[in-house]
Amino acid sequence: MKTSFLRQIRQLDIGERMLNAAAIISIVGVLLPWISGEWIGGEFISYSGLQFYTAYIGWSVLLLNCGILAIIFIPLATNSYQVPQKDLLRLFAAALGSILILAALSVLTKFTFEFSRLEVRFGIYIALFGSLFVTFESFCKWKEEPMEITQLPPIVLKKRDEQTFIPREPTLPPPPPPSAEKHPTHPPHFSKHL
């Protein structure tokens, strides 16, 4: 079972593997420190994305990225039905995760301005990078997805009855030929000299 699952993962195209790797990187970034430094009273703190005031955002990003991974890994592991419009779902989840991480970054930046001994740590940047990469890769996958073409019923052409006469628009008759007038072939003064 494990070997077939790993073989199926290896058979995924490079874009799919990069997308899932970026989702894993974003999950790891949520678990790493997002803010650390000296708090009020000289106490040293270090909080990951699942702690501090941005904990709800961190948990949301973690769950969104786990959902992105589940969209591909659960059908591979169970050989079950694929999720319809999985690329659109992953694009929505990744874009939402990126927006939430940017919101958390703005909150943490405000804290570092108010408390000068606090600093934003590398974990949030790793989570942001992973989430933005998943968004970009999901968008590319969604654009590559073939559009569903609805089959129209075939057009049945009826044979025209041969006895049915469709009148054409009347055409104008050709103009009459010019009238024949008597014109001398030679000028009159020329014939006198001959």
C-alpha atoms as a PDB file:
ATOM      1  CA  MET A   1       0.000   0.000   0.000  1.00  0.00           C
ATOM      2  CA  LYS A   2       2.745   2.436   0.970  1.00  0.00           C
ATOM      3  CA  THR A   3       4.822   1.630  -2.098  1.00  0.00           C
ATOM      4  CA  SER A   4       1.889   2.157  -4.462  1.00  0.00           C
ATOM      5  CA  PHE A   5       1.046   5.466  -2.736  1.00  0.00           C
ATOM      6  CA  LEU A   6       4.651   6.665  -3.044  1.00  0.00           C
ATOM      7  CA  ARG A   7       4.745   5.490  -6.656  1.00  0.00           C
ATOM      8  CA  GLN A   8       1.592   7.485  -7.397  1.00  0.00           C
ATOM      9  CA  ILE A   9       3.129  10.571  -5.785  1.00  0.00           C
ATOM     10  CA  ARG A  10       6.231  10.136  -7.948  1.00  0.00           C
ATOM     11  CA  GLN A  11       4.020   9.860 -11.027  1.00  0.00           C
ATOM     12  CA  LEU A  12       2.462  13.284 -10.413  1.00  0.00           C
ATOM     13  CA  ASP A  13       3.608  15.997 -12.793  1.00  0.00           C
ATOM     14  CA  ILE A  14       6.263  18.470 -11.641  1.00  0.00           C
ATOM     15  CA  GLY A  15       3.780  21.320 -11.158  1.00  0.00           C
ATOM     16  CA  GLU A  16       1.610  19.200  -8.877  1.00  0.00           C
ATOM     17  CA  ARG A  17       4.605  18.113  -6.788  1.00  0.00           C
ATOM     18  CA  MET A  18       5.863  21.707  -6.487  1.00  0.00           C
ATOM     19  CA  LEU A  19       2.405  22.893  -5.416  1.00  0.00           C
ATOM     20  CA  ASN A  20       2.176  20.262  -2.679  1.00  0.00           C
ATOM     21  CA  ALA A  21       5.755  20.926  -1.538  1.00  0.00           C
ATOM     22  CA  ALA A  22       4.957  24.645  -1.246  1.00  0.00           C
ATOM     23  CA  ALA A  23       1.865  23.816   0.841  1.00  0.00           C
ATOM     24  CA  ILE A  24       4.060  21.735   3.166  1.00  0.00           C
ATOM     25  CA  ILE A  25       6.559  24.627   3.384  1.00  0.00           C
ATOM     26  CA  SER A  26       3.709  26.954   4.324  1.00  0.00           C
ATOM     27  CA  ILE A  27       2.609  24.548   7.082  1.00  0.00           C
ATOM     28  CA  VAL A  28       6.175  24.396   8.415  1.00  0.00           C
ATOM     29  CA  GLY A  29       6.327  28.202   8.312  1.00  0.00           C
ATOM     30  CA  VAL A  30       3.213  28.377  10.506  1.00  0.00           C
ATOM     31  CA  LEU A  31       4.926  26.150  13.099  1.00  0.00           C
ATOM     32  CA  LEU A  32       8.119  28.267  13.143  1.00  0.00           C
ATOM     33  CA  PRO A  33       8.457  31.504  15.200  1.00  0.00           C
ATOM     34  CA  TRP A  34       6.554  34.492  13.845  1.00  0.00           C
ATOM     35  CA  ILE A  35       7.500  37.020  16.514  1.00  0.00           C
ATOM     36  CA  SER A  36      10.099  37.044  19.266  1.00  0.00           C
ATOM     37  CA  GLY A  37      11.949  39.453  21.478  1.00  0.00           C
ATOM     38  CA  GLU A  38      11.789  41.081  24.868  1.00  0.00           C
ATOM     39  CA  TRP A  39       8.282  41.637  26.184  1.00  0.00           C
ATOM     40  CA  ILE A  40       7.191  44.092  28.862  1.00  0.00           C
ATOM     41  CA  GLY A  41       9.082  43.379  32.097  1.00  0.00           C
ATOM     42  CA  GLY A  42      12.153  41.964  30.392  1.00  0.00           C
ATOM     43  CA  GLU A  43      10.632  38.562  29.654  1.00  0.00           C
ATOM     44  CA  PHE A  44      11.862  36.942  26.412  1.00  0.00           C
ATOM     45  CA  ILE A  45       9.077  35.578  24.232  1.00  0.00           C
ATOM     46  CA  SER A  46       8.980  33.580  21.016  1.00  0.00           C
ATOM     47  CA  TYR A  47       5.617  32.753  19.457  1.00  0.00           C
ATOM     48  CA  SER A  48       4.825  30.642  16.417  1.00  0.00           C
ATOM     49  CA  GLY A  49       1.919  31.257  14.081  1.00  0.00           C
ATOM     50  CA  LEU A  50      -0.317  29.170  16.331  1.00  0.00           C
ATOM     51  CA  GLN A  51       0.228  31.421  19.372  1.00  0.00           C
ATOM     52  CA  PHE A  52       0.107  35.115  20.250  1.00  0.00           C
ATOM     53  CA  TYR A  53      -2.598  37.448  18.920  1.00  0.00           C
ATOM     54  CA  THR A  54      -2.416  35.992  15.419  1.00  0.00           C
ATOM     55  CA  ALA A  55      -3.234  32.425  16.520  1.00  0.00           C
ATOM     56  CA  TYR A  56      -6.608  32.334  14.720  1.00  0.00           C
ATOM     57  CA  ILE A  57      -4.926  33.384  11.500  1.00  0.00           C
ATOM     58  CA  GLY A  58      -2.197  30.780  11.957  1.00  0.00           C
ATOM     59  CA  TRP A  59      -4.711  27.998  12.585  1.00  0.00           C
ATOM     60  CA  SER A  60      -6.747  29.093   9.554  1.00  0.00           C
ATOM     61  CA  VAL A  61      -3.675  29.042   7.310  1.00  0.00           C
ATOM     62  CA  LEU A  62      -2.682  25.632   8.699  1.00  0.00           C
ATOM     63  CA  LEU A  63      -6.137  24.180   8.004  1.00  0.00           C
ATOM     64  CA  LEU A  64      -6.313  25.719   4.523  1.00  0.00           C
ATOM     65  CA  ASN A  65      -2.956  24.216   3.552  1.00  0.00           C
ATOM     66  CA  CYS A  66      -3.915  20.843   5.021  1.00  0.00           C
ATOM     67  CA  GLY A  67      -7.064  21.013   2.876  1.00  0.00           C
ATOM     68  CA  ILE A  68      -4.963  21.773  -0.210  1.00  0.00           C
ATOM     69  CA  LEU A  69      -2.856  18.680   0.516  1.00  0.00           C
ATOM     70  CA  ALA A  70      -5.925  16.553   1.240  1.00  0.00           C
ATOM     71  CA  ILE A  71      -7.461  17.389  -2.155  1.00  0.00           C
ATOM     72  CA  ILE A  72      -4.709  15.403  -3.880  1.00  0.00           C
ATOM     73  CA  PHE A  73      -3.424  12.972  -1.238  1.00  0.00           C
ATOM     74  CA  ILE A  74      -6.727  11.435  -0.061  1.00  0.00           C
ATOM     75  CA  PRO A  75      -7.815  10.322  -3.567  1.00  0.00           C
ATOM     76  CA  LEU A  76      -4.294   8.958  -4.180  1.00  0.00           C
ATOM     77  CA  ALA A  77      -4.234   7.020  -0.912  1.00  0.00           C
ATOM     78  CA  THR A  78      -7.725   5.566  -1.199  1.00  0.00           C
ATOM     79  CA  ASN A  79      -7.961   5.244  -5.011  1.00  0.00           C
ATOM     80  CA  SER A  80     -11.278   7.008  -4.742  1.00  0.00           C
ATOM     81  CA  TYR A  81     -13.132   9.645  -6.673  1.00  0.00           C
ATOM     82  CA  GLN A  82     -11.230  12.811  -7.621  1.00  0.00           C
ATOM     83  CA  VAL A  83     -12.561  16.128  -6.343  1.00  0.00           C
ATOM     84  CA  PRO A  84     -14.350  18.045  -9.118  1.00  0.00           C
ATOM     85  CA  GLN A  85     -12.807  21.441  -9.885  1.00  0.00           C
ATOM     86  CA  LYS A  86      -9.931  20.752  -7.513  1.00  0.00           C
ATOM     87  CA  ASP A  87      -7.768  23.444  -9.131  1.00  0.00           C
ATOM     88  CA  LEU A  88     -10.350  26.139  -8.476  1.00  0.00           C
ATOM     89  CA  LEU A  89     -10.763  24.995  -4.850  1.00  0.00           C
ATOM     90  CA  ARG A  90      -7.000  25.016  -4.305  1.00  0.00           C
ATOM     91  CA  LEU A  91      -6.715  28.463  -5.881  1.00  0.00           C
ATOM     92  CA  PHE A  92      -9.391  29.836  -3.549  1.00  0.00           C
ATOM     93  CA  ALA A  93      -7.840  28.245  -0.444  1.00  0.00           C
ATOM     94  CA  ALA A  94      -4.314  29.388  -1.344  1.00  0.00           C
ATOM     95  CA  ALA A  95      -5.414  32.950  -2.109  1.00  0.00           C
ATOM     96  CA  LEU A  96      -7.303  33.106   1.188  1.00  0.00           C
ATOM     97  CA  GLY A  97      -4.259  31.766   3.050  1.00  0.00           C
ATOM     98  CA  SER A  98      -1.994  34.371   1.430  1.00  0.00           C
ATOM     99  CA  ILE A  99      -4.363  37.195   2.358  1.00  0.00           C
ATOM    100  CA  LEU A 100      -4.556  35.957   5.959  1.00  0.00           C
ATOM    101  CA  ILE A 101      -0.761  35.757   6.270  1.00  0.00           C
ATOM    102  CA  LEU A 102      -0.424  39.291   4.923  1.00  0.00           C
ATOM    103  CA  ALA A 103      -2.988  40.422   7.516  1.00  0.00           C
ATOM    104  CA  ALA A 104      -1.001  38.694  10.282  1.00  0.00           C
ATOM    105  CA  LEU A 105       2.202  40.306   9.022  1.00  0.00           C
ATOM    106  CA  SER A 106       0.612  43.744   9.239  1.00  0.00           C
ATOM    107  CA  VAL A 107      -0.534  43.051  12.829  1.00  0.00           C
ATOM    108  CA  LEU A 108       2.902  41.824  13.851  1.00  0.00           C
ATOM    109  CA  THR A 109       4.600  44.782  12.175  1.00  0.00           C
ATOM    110  CA  LYS A 110       2.380  47.120  14.193  1.00  0.00           C
ATOM    111  CA  PHE A 111       3.477  45.345  17.389  1.00  0.00           C
ATOM    112  CA  THR A 112       7.138  45.764  16.469  1.00  0.00           C
ATOM    113  CA  PHE A 113       6.593  49.509  16.009  1.00  0.00           C
ATOM    114  CA  GLU A 114       4.948  49.821  19.430  1.00  0.00           C
ATOM    115  CA  PHE A 115       7.395  47.547  21.255  1.00  0.00           C
ATOM    116  CA  SER A 116      10.848  48.155  19.872  1.00  0.00           C
ATOM    117  CA  ARG A 117      12.380  45.047  21.427  1.00  0.00           C
ATOM    118  CA  LEU A 118      10.084  42.722  19.482  1.00  0.00           C
ATOM    119  CA  GLU A 119      10.877  41.643  15.958  1.00  0.00           C
ATOM    120  CA  VAL A 120       9.075  39.746  13.230  1.00  0.00           C
ATOM    121  CA  ARG A 121      10.752  36.374  12.709  1.00  0.00           C
ATOM    122  CA  PHE A 122      11.440  34.249   9.653  1.00  0.00           C
ATOM    123  CA  GLY A 123       8.528  31.815  10.141  1.00  0.00           C
ATOM    124  CA  ILE A 124       5.916  34.197   8.811  1.00  0.00           C
ATOM    125  CA  TYR A 125       8.033  34.932   5.732  1.00  0.00           C
ATOM    126  CA  ILE A 126       8.431  31.214   5.024  1.00  0.00           C
ATOM    127  CA  ALA A 127       4.675  30.706   5.421  1.00  0.00           C
ATOM    128  CA  LEU A 128       4.003  33.689   3.158  1.00  0.00           C
ATOM    129  CA  PHE A 129       6.418  32.438   0.489  1.00  0.00           C
ATOM    130  CA  GLY A 130       4.873  28.966   0.522  1.00  0.00           C
ATOM    131  CA  SER A 131       1.355  30.311   0.387  1.00  0.00           C
ATOM    132  CA  LEU A 132       2.099  32.723  -2.456  1.00  0.00           C
ATOM    133  CA  PHE A 133       3.787  29.944  -4.426  1.00  0.00           C
ATOM    134  CA  VAL A 134       0.772  27.673  -3.919  1.00  0.00           C
ATOM    135  CA  THR A 135      -1.470  30.510  -5.126  1.00  0.00           C
ATOM    136  CA  PHE A 136       0.640  31.048  -8.234  1.00  0.00           C
ATOM    137  CA  GLU A 137       0.889  27.337  -9.050  1.00  0.00           C
ATOM    138  CA  SER A 138      -2.846  26.806  -8.417  1.00  0.00           C
ATOM    139  CA  PHE A 139      -3.652  29.670 -10.756  1.00  0.00           C
ATOM    140  CA  CYS A 140      -1.456  28.160 -13.481  1.00  0.00           C
ATOM    141  CA  LYS A 141      -3.095  24.744 -12.998  1.00  0.00           C
ATOM    142  CA  TRP A 142      -6.555  26.304 -13.110  1.00  0.00           C
ATOM    143  CA  LYS A 143      -5.767  28.116 -16.366  1.00  0.00           C
ATOM    144  CA  GLU A 144      -4.448  24.886 -17.926  1.00  0.00           C
ATOM    145  CA  GLU A 145      -7.622  23.016 -17.000  1.00  0.00           C
ATOM    146  CA  PRO A 146      -9.645  22.285 -20.159  1.00  0.00           C
ATOM    147  CA  MET A 147     -12.948  24.039 -20.310  1.00  0.00           C
ATOM    148  CA  GLU A 148     -16.001  21.791 -20.335  1.00  0.00           C
ATOM    149  CA  ILE A 149     -17.610  21.915 -23.738  1.00  0.00           C
ATOM    150  CA  THR A 150     -21.292  21.215 -23.686  1.00  0.00           C
ATOM    151  CA  GLN A 151     -22.457  19.047 -26.533  1.00  0.00           C
ATOM    152  CA  LEU A 152     -25.112  20.689 -28.626  1.00  0.00           C
ATOM    153  CA  PRO A 153     -27.671  18.511 -30.358  1.00  0.00           C
ATOM    154  CA  PRO A 154     -26.767  17.898 -33.999  1.00  0.00           C
ATOM    155  CA  ILE A 155     -28.353  20.200 -36.522  1.00  0.00           C
ATOM    156  CA  VAL A 156     -30.655  18.324 -38.847  1.00  0.00           C
ATOM    157  CA  LEU A 157     -30.925  19.898 -42.244  1.00  0.00           C
ATOM    158  CA  LYS A 158     -34.171  19.277 -44.039  1.00  0.00           C
ATOM    159  CA  LYS A 159     -34.051  18.551 -47.717  1.00  0.00           C
ATOM    160  CA  ARG A 160     -35.701  21.164 -49.803  1.00  0.00           C
ATOM    161  CA  ASP A 161     -38.696  19.982 -51.734  1.00  0.00           C
ATOM    162  CA  GLU A 162     -37.877  20.137 -55.385  1.00  0.00           C
ATOM    163  CA  GLN A 163     -41.408  21.180 -56.218  1.00  0.00           C
ATOM    164  CA  THR A 164     -41.282  24.127 -53.909  1.00  0.00           C
ATOM    165  CA  PHE A 165     -40.294  27.168 -55.918  1.00  0.00           C
ATOM    166  CA  ILE A 166     -38.595  29.965 -54.091  1.00  0.00           C
ATOM    167  CA  PRO A 167     -38.868  33.049 -56.256  1.00  0.00           C
ATOM    168  CA  ARG A 168     -35.740  35.061 -56.627  1.00  0.00           C
ATOM    169  CA  GLU A 169     -35.810  38.771 -56.504  1.00  0.00           C
ATOM    170  CA  PRO A 170     -36.767  40.223 -59.858  1.00  0.00           C
ATOM    171  CA  THR A 171     -33.844  41.462 -61.876  1.00  0.00           C
ATOM    172  CA  LEU A 172     -34.023  44.523 -64.037  1.00  0.00           C
ATOM    173  CA  PRO A 173     -33.984  43.933 -67.796  1.00  0.00           C
ATOM    174  CA  PRO A 174     -30.859  45.002 -69.610  1.00  0.00           C
ATOM    175  CA  PRO A 175     -30.927  48.505 -71.065  1.00  0.00           C
ATOM    176  CA  PRO A 176     -32.083  48.775 -74.692  1.00  0.00           C
ATOM    177  CA  PRO A 177     -29.379  49.041 -77.332  1.00  0.00           C
ATOM    178  CA  PRO A 178     -28.719  52.513 -78.638  1.00  0.00           C
ATOM    179  CA  SER A 179     -30.845  53.536 -81.621  1.00  0.00           C
ATOM    180  CA  ALA A 180     -29.167  53.432 -84.981  1.00  0.00           C
ATOM    181  CA  GLU A 181     -28.858  56.956 -86.360  1.00  0.00           C
ATOM    182  CA  LYS A 182     -27.483  57.754 -89.758  1.00  0.00           C
ATOM    183  CA  HIS A 183     -23.989  58.961 -89.368  1.00  0.00           C
ATOM    184  CA  PRO A 184     -21.830  59.609 -92.381  1.00  0.00           C
ATOM    185  CA  THR A 185     -18.723  57.538 -92.460  1.00  0.00           C
ATOM    186  CA  HIS A 186     -16.697  60.412 -93.840  1.00  0.00           C
ATOM    187  CA  PRO A 187     -16.999  64.072 -93.258  1.00  0.00           C
ATOM    188  CA  PRO A 188     -18.934  65.867 -96.034  1.00  0.00           C
ATOM    189  CA  HIS A 189     -16.132  68.152 -97.104  1.00  0.00           C
ATOM    190  CA  PHE A 190     -13.797  65.166 -97.654  1.00  0.00           C
ATOM    191  CA  SER A 191     -16.068  63.556-100.304  1.00  0.00           C
ATOM    192  CA  LYS A 192     -16.162  66.723-102.351  1.00  0.00           C
ATOM    193  CA  HIS A 193     -12.443  66.671-102.931  1.00  0.00           C
ATOM    194  CA  LEU A 194     -12.421  63.167-104.260  1.00  0.00           C
END
